[in-house]
Amino acid sequence: MRVTRSIVIDESELVERFIHASGPGGQNVNKVATAVELRFDVRRSRGLSDSVRARLVALAGKKLSGDGILVIAAQRFRSQARNRADARARLAALIEAAATPPKPRRATKPSRAAKRRRLDDKRHTASRKRERSGSTWD
């Protein structure tokens, strides 16, 4: 499965399990296992670099088991083929998101005008509160 130009996942690394789906489907839902559970071992994959692997582990969140296996369950559609394609597309999107490195943050300073506006707002708020607290009821 080709994810990007540089990342190719071998089909042998993907394990698919077909399970009964909940939801719409009529009698078909009781007879045919249309939902797909796609498993991908992130830590042992040969197609991922270390940096992509680390970002994928961070992005996966609850989808990642304790063993480092990424589990994607797809049951949006009534057919097994469409759910299978959906699970693979979601895996590819997750890997593609992990493949793009985050933009480095550039430190910036607030402008002189922004500092002046902030201090003016603070003075205005302080004077408003001072005026409120100074009044007494007679």
Protein backbone atom coordinates (compact mmCIF):
# COMPACT_ATOMS: atom_id res chain seq x y z
CA MET A 1 0.00 0.00 0.00
CA ARG A 2 1.58 3.27 -1.12
CA VAL A 3 1.00 6.13 1.31
CA THR A 4 3.42 8.76 0.01
CA ARG A 5 6.24 8.71 -2.53
CA SER A 6 8.69 7.60 0.14
CA ILE A 7 6.43 5.50 2.40
CA VAL A 8 5.20 2.11 1.24
CA ILE A 9 3.51 -0.29 3.65
CA ASP A 10 3.83 -3.98 2.80
CA GLU A 11 0.49 -5.83 2.61
CA SER A 12 1.87 -8.52 4.94
CA GLU A 13 2.10 -5.91 7.73
CA LEU A 14 -1.68 -5.33 7.66
CA VAL A 15 -3.95 -7.75 9.49
CA GLU A 16 -7.67 -7.54 8.76
CA ARG A 17 -10.37 -9.14 10.84
CA PHE A 18 -14.01 -9.09 9.79
CA ILE A 19 -16.61 -8.77 12.54
CA HIS A 20 -20.36 -8.27 12.78
CA ALA A 21 -21.26 -4.60 12.54
CA SER A 22 -23.88 -2.85 14.61
CA GLY A 23 -26.37 -0.46 13.09
CA PRO A 24 -28.39 -0.56 9.86
CA GLY A 25 -28.33 -3.51 7.48
CA GLY A 26 -31.48 -5.49 8.17
CA GLN A 27 -31.07 -9.29 8.26
CA ASN A 28 -27.71 -8.87 6.53
CA VAL A 29 -26.21 -7.46 9.74
CA ASN A 30 -26.82 -10.79 11.52
CA LYS A 31 -25.45 -12.98 8.74
CA VAL A 32 -22.45 -11.22 7.21
CA ALA A 33 -19.37 -9.86 8.98
CA THR A 34 -19.17 -6.49 7.24
CA ALA A 35 -17.21 -4.45 9.79
CA VAL A 36 -13.43 -4.43 9.43
CA GLU A 37 -10.85 -4.27 12.18
CA LEU A 38 -7.51 -3.31 10.61
CA ARG A 39 -4.38 -3.91 12.69
CA PHE A 40 -0.99 -2.41 11.91
CA ASP A 41 2.12 -2.98 14.05
CA VAL A 42 3.67 0.50 14.20
CA ARG A 43 6.79 -0.46 16.15
CA ARG A 44 7.83 -3.34 13.88
CA SER A 45 6.96 -1.76 10.54
CA ARG A 46 9.84 -1.63 8.07
CA GLY A 47 8.19 1.01 5.90
CA LEU A 48 8.34 3.82 8.50
CA SER A 49 11.30 5.93 9.53
CA ASP A 50 11.93 6.56 13.24
CA SER A 51 10.66 10.15 13.09
CA VAL A 52 7.44 9.17 11.29
CA ARG A 53 6.96 6.26 13.71
CA ALA A 54 7.28 8.59 16.73
CA ARG A 55 4.79 11.11 15.28
CA LEU A 56 2.38 8.29 14.36
CA VAL A 57 2.46 6.95 17.93
CA ALA A 58 1.67 10.46 19.20
CA LEU A 59 -1.14 10.98 16.66
CA ALA A 60 -2.77 7.57 17.14
CA GLY A 61 -3.80 8.18 20.76
CA LYS A 62 -6.42 5.65 21.91
CA LYS A 63 -6.21 3.72 18.65
CA LEU A 64 -2.79 2.41 19.69
CA SER A 65 -2.70 -0.64 21.96
CA GLY A 66 -0.09 -1.21 24.65
CA ASP A 67 1.82 -3.51 22.29
CA GLY A 68 2.23 -0.73 19.73
CA ILE A 69 -0.47 -2.06 17.40
CA LEU A 70 -2.66 0.51 15.69
CA VAL A 71 -6.28 -0.69 15.52
CA ILE A 72 -8.73 0.94 13.12
CA ALA A 73 -12.35 -0.24 13.15
CA ALA A 74 -14.49 0.61 10.11
CA GLN A 75 -18.23 -0.09 10.03
CA ARG A 76 -19.63 2.99 8.33
CA PHE A 77 -20.86 1.14 5.25
CA ARG A 78 -23.02 -1.93 4.74
CA SER A 79 -20.56 -3.76 2.49
CA GLN A 80 -17.35 -5.41 3.59
CA ALA A 81 -15.40 -4.09 0.60
CA ARG A 82 -16.30 -0.46 1.28
CA ASN A 83 -15.46 -0.80 4.99
CA ARG A 84 -12.14 -2.40 4.07
CA ALA A 85 -11.32 0.48 1.71
CA ASP A 86 -12.41 2.99 4.38
CA ALA A 87 -10.13 1.42 7.02
CA ARG A 88 -7.16 1.45 4.64
CA ALA A 89 -7.85 5.06 3.64
CA ARG A 90 -8.00 6.11 7.30
CA LEU A 91 -4.71 4.34 8.00
CA ALA A 92 -3.09 6.02 4.99
CA ALA A 93 -4.39 9.44 6.11
CA LEU A 94 -3.02 8.90 9.62
CA ILE A 95 0.40 7.86 8.30
CA GLU A 96 0.42 10.75 5.84
CA ALA A 97 -0.34 13.20 8.66
CA ALA A 98 2.54 11.70 10.66
CA ALA A 99 4.85 11.96 7.65
CA THR A 100 4.62 15.75 7.48
CA PRO A 101 6.97 17.23 10.07
CA PRO A 102 5.55 20.02 12.23
CA LYS A 103 6.52 23.57 11.31
CA PRO A 104 9.15 24.94 13.67
CA ARG A 105 7.90 27.74 15.90
CA ARG A 106 9.50 31.10 15.36
CA ALA A 107 9.73 33.24 18.46
CA THR A 108 8.16 36.67 17.99
CA LYS A 109 7.84 39.77 20.14
CA PRO A 110 4.72 41.87 20.52
CA SER A 111 4.97 45.22 18.75
CA ARG A 112 5.33 48.47 20.69
CA ALA A 113 1.77 49.46 19.70
CA ALA A 114 0.41 46.12 20.99
CA LYS A 115 2.18 46.64 24.33
CA ARG A 116 0.77 50.16 24.56
CA ARG A 117 -2.78 48.94 23.79
CA ARG A 118 -2.51 46.22 26.43
CA LEU A 119 -1.32 48.67 29.10
CA ASP A 120 -4.00 51.21 28.13
CA ASP A 121 -6.67 48.51 28.47
CA LYS A 122 -5.27 47.53 31.88
CA ARG A 123 -5.35 51.16 33.05
CA HIS A 124 -8.91 51.56 31.77
CA THR A 125 -10.09 48.41 33.57
CA ALA A 126 -8.32 49.41 36.80
CA SER A 127 -9.88 52.88 36.77
CA ARG A 128 -13.34 51.41 36.13
CA LYS A 129 -12.96 49.07 39.11
CA ARG A 130 -11.59 51.90 41.27
CA GLU A 131 -14.64 54.05 40.42
CA ARG A 132 -17.01 51.21 41.32
CA SER A 133 -15.40 50.46 44.67
CA GLY A 134 -15.28 54.10 45.74
CA SER A 135 -19.05 54.62 45.75
CA THR A 136 -20.94 54.23 49.02
CA TRP A 137 -24.69 54.03 49.61
CA ASP A 138 -26.25 56.71 51.78
